Structure formats: C-alpha cells, structure tokens
Amino acid sequence: MMFQFYFKKMASSETLKDLSKRKLSDLVERFVGTNGLVRITFQSEKKAQRVLCLLQGHNGKSYRASASSDNMYANLDAVAHKLETQLLRVKTRNNSNCQSQKHKSRFAETRLRLIYEGEYPSENLDFWGDEYDSSLRYFH
C-alpha cells in the first residue's frame, strides 16, 4: 500500500503523516488489499482546516472522503469513519448480490411444454431429402 501526502498552505508535519498512516492502513488492508493507493491532502485556510482523502483500489475503484473543522486530528478521524462506511456499504452490497444469485435466480424459472396434437413425426425424418432440394443445402 502506498501513501501520498500533500500539504497546501501549511508546513508538512510528520505527526499528521504517522497518525494518518496508523488510522488508514488497517482500513485499506482490510477492504482493498496491499495494492491500494491513498492520497491525503491537508489544507489550511484562515481558521478552517480541511482533510481530503482519495483511496484507489487495485481493481480501479476509487473512494473519496473529506472533512473540515477547526481541528485537523478530528478531521482525520471523520475521514477514516467516512471511508469505512463507504467500503462497508460496497462490501455488503457485493456479498448480498453474490449470495442471492447462488441460492435462487432473480427471475422465476420458465418451464416450456411441447404440446403436439396428432401423431408424432418419425425420428428418421430427413429434412434435406430430395423434396427439399434448395441452394442453401450446399451453401457452406
């Protein structure tokens, strides 16, 4: 798993990097795997501080979460919680779809019955006999 950190309008902080790695690494490994990419952007504008997080999985899916308030550490907790709820929602949706397809089909099975009135034709009937001499017979 790979982490990329961006700091806009603020100095880079090792404590924020370590805390975000600790909070998001378990989450990413549990749902996405070891091939995930996490991009975290920390912004500071006047009194508001903001955290943006983009999570890209190995299967091409991406998840985004953001939070803004006065406290950067609280924003990081909120972003982790938002990503976890998104990933849980996708996981339960995929699991429920797989289980419902295994046990029963989405549509009721249709059963067709051949009803034939009269005598059944013989099994040795040759549809391409002499009486059906057509140009399609010799077409390949």
C-alpha atoms as a PDB file:
ATOM      1  CA  MET A   1       0.000   0.000   0.000  1.00  0.00           C
ATOM      2  CA  MET A   2       1.251   3.416  -0.875  1.00  0.00           C
ATOM      3  CA  PHE A   3       0.583   6.728   0.841  1.00  0.00           C
ATOM      4  CA  GLN A   4       0.995  10.141  -0.768  1.00  0.00           C
ATOM      5  CA  PHE A   5       0.719  13.283   1.354  1.00  0.00           C
ATOM      6  CA  TYR A   6       0.066  16.818   0.154  1.00  0.00           C
ATOM      7  CA  PHE A   7       0.192  19.915   2.359  1.00  0.00           C
ATOM      8  CA  LYS A   8      -1.424  23.059   0.968  1.00  0.00           C
ATOM      9  CA  LYS A   9      -0.852  26.402   2.650  1.00  0.00           C
ATOM     10  CA  MET A  10       0.763  24.763   5.662  1.00  0.00           C
ATOM     11  CA  ALA A  11       4.049  23.172   6.674  1.00  0.00           C
ATOM     12  CA  SER A  12       4.448  19.416   6.430  1.00  0.00           C
ATOM     13  CA  SER A  13       4.037  17.544   9.698  1.00  0.00           C
ATOM     14  CA  GLU A  14       5.439  14.118  10.497  1.00  0.00           C
ATOM     15  CA  THR A  15       2.885  13.591  13.276  1.00  0.00           C
ATOM     16  CA  LEU A  16      -0.002  14.023  10.825  1.00  0.00           C
ATOM     17  CA  LYS A  17       1.660  11.603   8.415  1.00  0.00           C
ATOM     18  CA  ASP A  18       2.201   8.965  11.100  1.00  0.00           C
ATOM     19  CA  LEU A  19      -1.289   9.326  12.519  1.00  0.00           C
ATOM     20  CA  SER A  20      -2.951   9.083   9.119  1.00  0.00           C
ATOM     21  CA  LYS A  21      -0.900   6.010   8.219  1.00  0.00           C
ATOM     22  CA  ARG A  22      -1.849   4.366  11.503  1.00  0.00           C
ATOM     23  CA  LYS A  23      -5.557   5.145  11.122  1.00  0.00           C
ATOM     24  CA  LEU A  24      -5.960   4.289   7.452  1.00  0.00           C
ATOM     25  CA  SER A  25      -3.533   1.394   6.943  1.00  0.00           C
ATOM     26  CA  ASP A  26      -5.716  -1.201   8.704  1.00  0.00           C
ATOM     27  CA  LEU A  27      -8.789   0.046   6.879  1.00  0.00           C
ATOM     28  CA  VAL A  28      -7.130  -0.102   3.481  1.00  0.00           C
ATOM     29  CA  GLU A  29      -5.599  -3.542   4.042  1.00  0.00           C
ATOM     30  CA  ARG A  30      -8.895  -4.971   5.267  1.00  0.00           C
ATOM     31  CA  PHE A  31     -11.019  -3.819   2.324  1.00  0.00           C
ATOM     32  CA  VAL A  32      -8.741  -3.007  -0.615  1.00  0.00           C
ATOM     33  CA  GLY A  33      -5.626  -5.097  -0.023  1.00  0.00           C
ATOM     34  CA  THR A  34      -1.952  -4.311  -0.193  1.00  0.00           C
ATOM     35  CA  ASN A  35      -2.104  -2.781  -3.676  1.00  0.00           C
ATOM     36  CA  GLY A  36      -4.073   0.310  -2.692  1.00  0.00           C
ATOM     37  CA  LEU A  37      -3.068   3.938  -3.138  1.00  0.00           C
ATOM     38  CA  VAL A  38      -4.063   6.561  -0.573  1.00  0.00           C
ATOM     39  CA  ARG A  39      -3.708  10.270  -1.341  1.00  0.00           C
ATOM     40  CA  ILE A  40      -4.238  12.568   1.609  1.00  0.00           C
ATOM     41  CA  THR A  41      -4.332  16.348   1.274  1.00  0.00           C
ATOM     42  CA  PHE A  42      -4.137  18.626   4.300  1.00  0.00           C
ATOM     43  CA  GLN A  43      -5.309  22.220   3.731  1.00  0.00           C
ATOM     44  CA  SER A  44      -5.364  25.237   5.952  1.00  0.00           C
ATOM     45  CA  GLU A  45      -7.360  28.339   5.061  1.00  0.00           C
ATOM     46  CA  LYS A  46      -7.737  31.065   7.683  1.00  0.00           C
ATOM     47  CA  LYS A  47      -9.399  29.313  10.638  1.00  0.00           C
ATOM     48  CA  ALA A  48     -10.775  26.300   8.748  1.00  0.00           C
ATOM     49  CA  GLN A  49      -8.671  23.211   8.304  1.00  0.00           C
ATOM     50  CA  ARG A  50      -9.578  20.518   5.835  1.00  0.00           C
ATOM     51  CA  VAL A  51      -8.570  16.922   5.094  1.00  0.00           C
ATOM     52  CA  LEU A  52      -9.241  15.322   1.701  1.00  0.00           C
ATOM     53  CA  CYS A  53      -8.634  11.630   1.131  1.00  0.00           C
ATOM     54  CA  LEU A  54      -8.730   9.653  -2.113  1.00  0.00           C
ATOM     55  CA  LEU A  55      -8.460   5.882  -1.942  1.00  0.00           C
ATOM     56  CA  GLN A  56      -7.777   3.957  -5.154  1.00  0.00           C
ATOM     57  CA  GLY A  57      -8.045   0.199  -5.171  1.00  0.00           C
ATOM     58  CA  HIS A  58      -6.255  -2.286  -7.369  1.00  0.00           C
ATOM     59  CA  ASN A  59      -9.497  -3.041  -9.210  1.00  0.00           C
ATOM     60  CA  GLY A  60      -9.875   0.549 -10.442  1.00  0.00           C
ATOM     61  CA  LYS A  61     -12.476   1.710  -7.961  1.00  0.00           C
ATOM     62  CA  SER A  62     -11.883   4.921  -6.059  1.00  0.00           C
ATOM     63  CA  TYR A  63     -13.426   6.308  -2.885  1.00  0.00           C
ATOM     64  CA  ARG A  64     -13.336   9.899  -1.624  1.00  0.00           C
ATOM     65  CA  ALA A  65     -13.945  11.492   1.730  1.00  0.00           C
ATOM     66  CA  SER A  66     -13.375  14.959   3.136  1.00  0.00           C
ATOM     67  CA  ALA A  67     -13.921  16.797   6.392  1.00  0.00           C
ATOM     68  CA  SER A  68     -13.364  20.352   7.555  1.00  0.00           C
ATOM     69  CA  SER A  69     -13.370  21.942  11.011  1.00  0.00           C
ATOM     70  CA  ASP A  70     -11.022  23.728  13.407  1.00  0.00           C
ATOM     71  CA  ASN A  71      -9.166  20.593  14.476  1.00  0.00           C
ATOM     72  CA  MET A  72      -7.058  18.656  11.929  1.00  0.00           C
ATOM     73  CA  TYR A  73      -6.953  15.493  14.062  1.00  0.00           C
ATOM     74  CA  ALA A  74     -10.741  15.389  14.342  1.00  0.00           C
ATOM     75  CA  ASN A  75     -10.927  15.796  10.571  1.00  0.00           C
ATOM     76  CA  LEU A  76      -8.679  12.794  10.115  1.00  0.00           C
ATOM     77  CA  ASP A  77     -10.931  10.695  12.367  1.00  0.00           C
ATOM     78  CA  ALA A  78     -14.001  11.808  10.415  1.00  0.00           C
ATOM     79  CA  VAL A  79     -12.400  10.946   7.078  1.00  0.00           C
ATOM     80  CA  ALA A  80     -11.443   7.478   8.331  1.00  0.00           C
ATOM     81  CA  HIS A  81     -15.012   6.890   9.529  1.00  0.00           C
ATOM     82  CA  LYS A  82     -16.497   8.072   6.215  1.00  0.00           C
ATOM     83  CA  LEU A  83     -14.221   5.815   4.186  1.00  0.00           C
ATOM     84  CA  GLU A  84     -15.026   2.859   6.411  1.00  0.00           C
ATOM     85  CA  THR A  85     -18.790   3.335   5.951  1.00  0.00           C
ATOM     86  CA  GLN A  86     -18.372   3.601   2.168  1.00  0.00           C
ATOM     87  CA  LEU A  87     -16.281   0.449   1.996  1.00  0.00           C
ATOM     88  CA  LEU A  88     -18.640  -1.491   4.279  1.00  0.00           C
ATOM     89  CA  ARG A  89     -21.597  -0.461   2.132  1.00  0.00           C
ATOM     90  CA  VAL A  90     -19.888  -1.679  -1.033  1.00  0.00           C
ATOM     91  CA  LYS A  91     -18.765  -4.918   0.603  1.00  0.00           C
ATOM     92  CA  THR A  92     -22.202  -5.803   1.970  1.00  0.00           C
ATOM     93  CA  ARG A  93     -23.814  -4.917  -1.360  1.00  0.00           C
ATOM     94  CA  ASN A  94     -21.416  -7.218  -3.224  1.00  0.00           C
ATOM     95  CA  ASN A  95     -21.853 -10.039  -0.705  1.00  0.00           C
ATOM     96  CA  SER A  96     -25.650  -9.846  -0.776  1.00  0.00           C
ATOM     97  CA  ASN A  97     -25.657  -9.911  -4.576  1.00  0.00           C
ATOM     98  CA  CYS A  98     -23.418 -12.982  -4.642  1.00  0.00           C
ATOM     99  CA  GLN A  99     -25.474 -14.856  -2.051  1.00  0.00           C
ATOM    100  CA  SER A 100     -28.811 -14.129  -3.713  1.00  0.00           C
ATOM    101  CA  GLN A 101     -27.502 -15.343  -7.069  1.00  0.00           C
ATOM    102  CA  LYS A 102     -26.156 -18.561  -5.555  1.00  0.00           C
ATOM    103  CA  HIS A 103     -29.350 -19.658  -3.848  1.00  0.00           C
ATOM    104  CA  LYS A 104     -32.057 -18.599  -6.241  1.00  0.00           C
ATOM    105  CA  SER A 105     -32.240 -16.877  -9.517  1.00  0.00           C
ATOM    106  CA  ARG A 106     -33.581 -13.383  -9.880  1.00  0.00           C
ATOM    107  CA  PHE A 107     -36.328 -14.450 -12.243  1.00  0.00           C
ATOM    108  CA  ALA A 108     -38.612 -17.407 -11.849  1.00  0.00           C
ATOM    109  CA  GLU A 109     -37.674 -20.338 -13.981  1.00  0.00           C
ATOM    110  CA  THR A 110     -39.847 -20.718 -17.011  1.00  0.00           C
ATOM    111  CA  ARG A 111     -40.894 -24.167 -17.979  1.00  0.00           C
ATOM    112  CA  LEU A 112     -41.934 -24.903 -21.507  1.00  0.00           C
ATOM    113  CA  ARG A 113     -44.019 -27.844 -22.502  1.00  0.00           C
ATOM    114  CA  LEU A 114     -44.358 -29.091 -26.047  1.00  0.00           C
ATOM    115  CA  ILE A 115     -47.924 -29.842 -26.921  1.00  0.00           C
ATOM    116  CA  TYR A 116     -48.417 -31.697 -30.157  1.00  0.00           C
ATOM    117  CA  GLU A 117     -51.750 -32.775 -31.468  1.00  0.00           C
ATOM    118  CA  GLY A 118     -51.886 -35.764 -33.666  1.00  0.00           C
ATOM    119  CA  GLU A 119     -49.189 -38.263 -34.441  1.00  0.00           C
ATOM    120  CA  TYR A 120     -45.573 -37.612 -33.663  1.00  0.00           C
ATOM    121  CA  PRO A 121     -43.298 -37.445 -36.688  1.00  0.00           C
ATOM    122  CA  SER A 122     -40.884 -40.286 -37.166  1.00  0.00           C
ATOM    123  CA  GLU A 123     -37.416 -39.860 -35.750  1.00  0.00           C
ATOM    124  CA  ASN A 124     -35.764 -40.775 -39.043  1.00  0.00           C
ATOM    125  CA  LEU A 125     -37.242 -37.833 -40.911  1.00  0.00           C
ATOM    126  CA  ASP A 126     -34.704 -36.274 -43.289  1.00  0.00           C
ATOM    127  CA  PHE A 127     -35.403 -32.593 -43.784  1.00  0.00           C
ATOM    128  CA  TRP A 128     -32.791 -32.314 -46.523  1.00  0.00           C
ATOM    129  CA  GLY A 129     -34.170 -35.089 -48.651  1.00  0.00           C
ATOM    130  CA  ASP A 130     -34.857 -34.896 -52.360  1.00  0.00           C
ATOM    131  CA  GLU A 131     -38.080 -32.996 -51.904  1.00  0.00           C
ATOM    132  CA  TYR A 132     -36.241 -30.118 -50.153  1.00  0.00           C
ATOM    133  CA  ASP A 133     -33.633 -29.506 -52.838  1.00  0.00           C
ATOM    134  CA  SER A 134     -32.518 -25.994 -52.091  1.00  0.00           C
ATOM    135  CA  SER A 135     -29.475 -23.884 -52.834  1.00  0.00           C
ATOM    136  CA  LEU A 136     -28.955 -23.450 -49.068  1.00  0.00           C
ATOM    137  CA  ARG A 137     -28.300 -27.155 -48.736  1.00  0.00           C
ATOM    138  CA  TYR A 138     -24.938 -26.890 -50.455  1.00  0.00           C
ATOM    139  CA  PHE A 139     -24.011 -23.484 -49.089  1.00  0.00           C
ATOM    140  CA  HIS A 140     -21.099 -23.504 -46.631  1.00  0.00           C
END
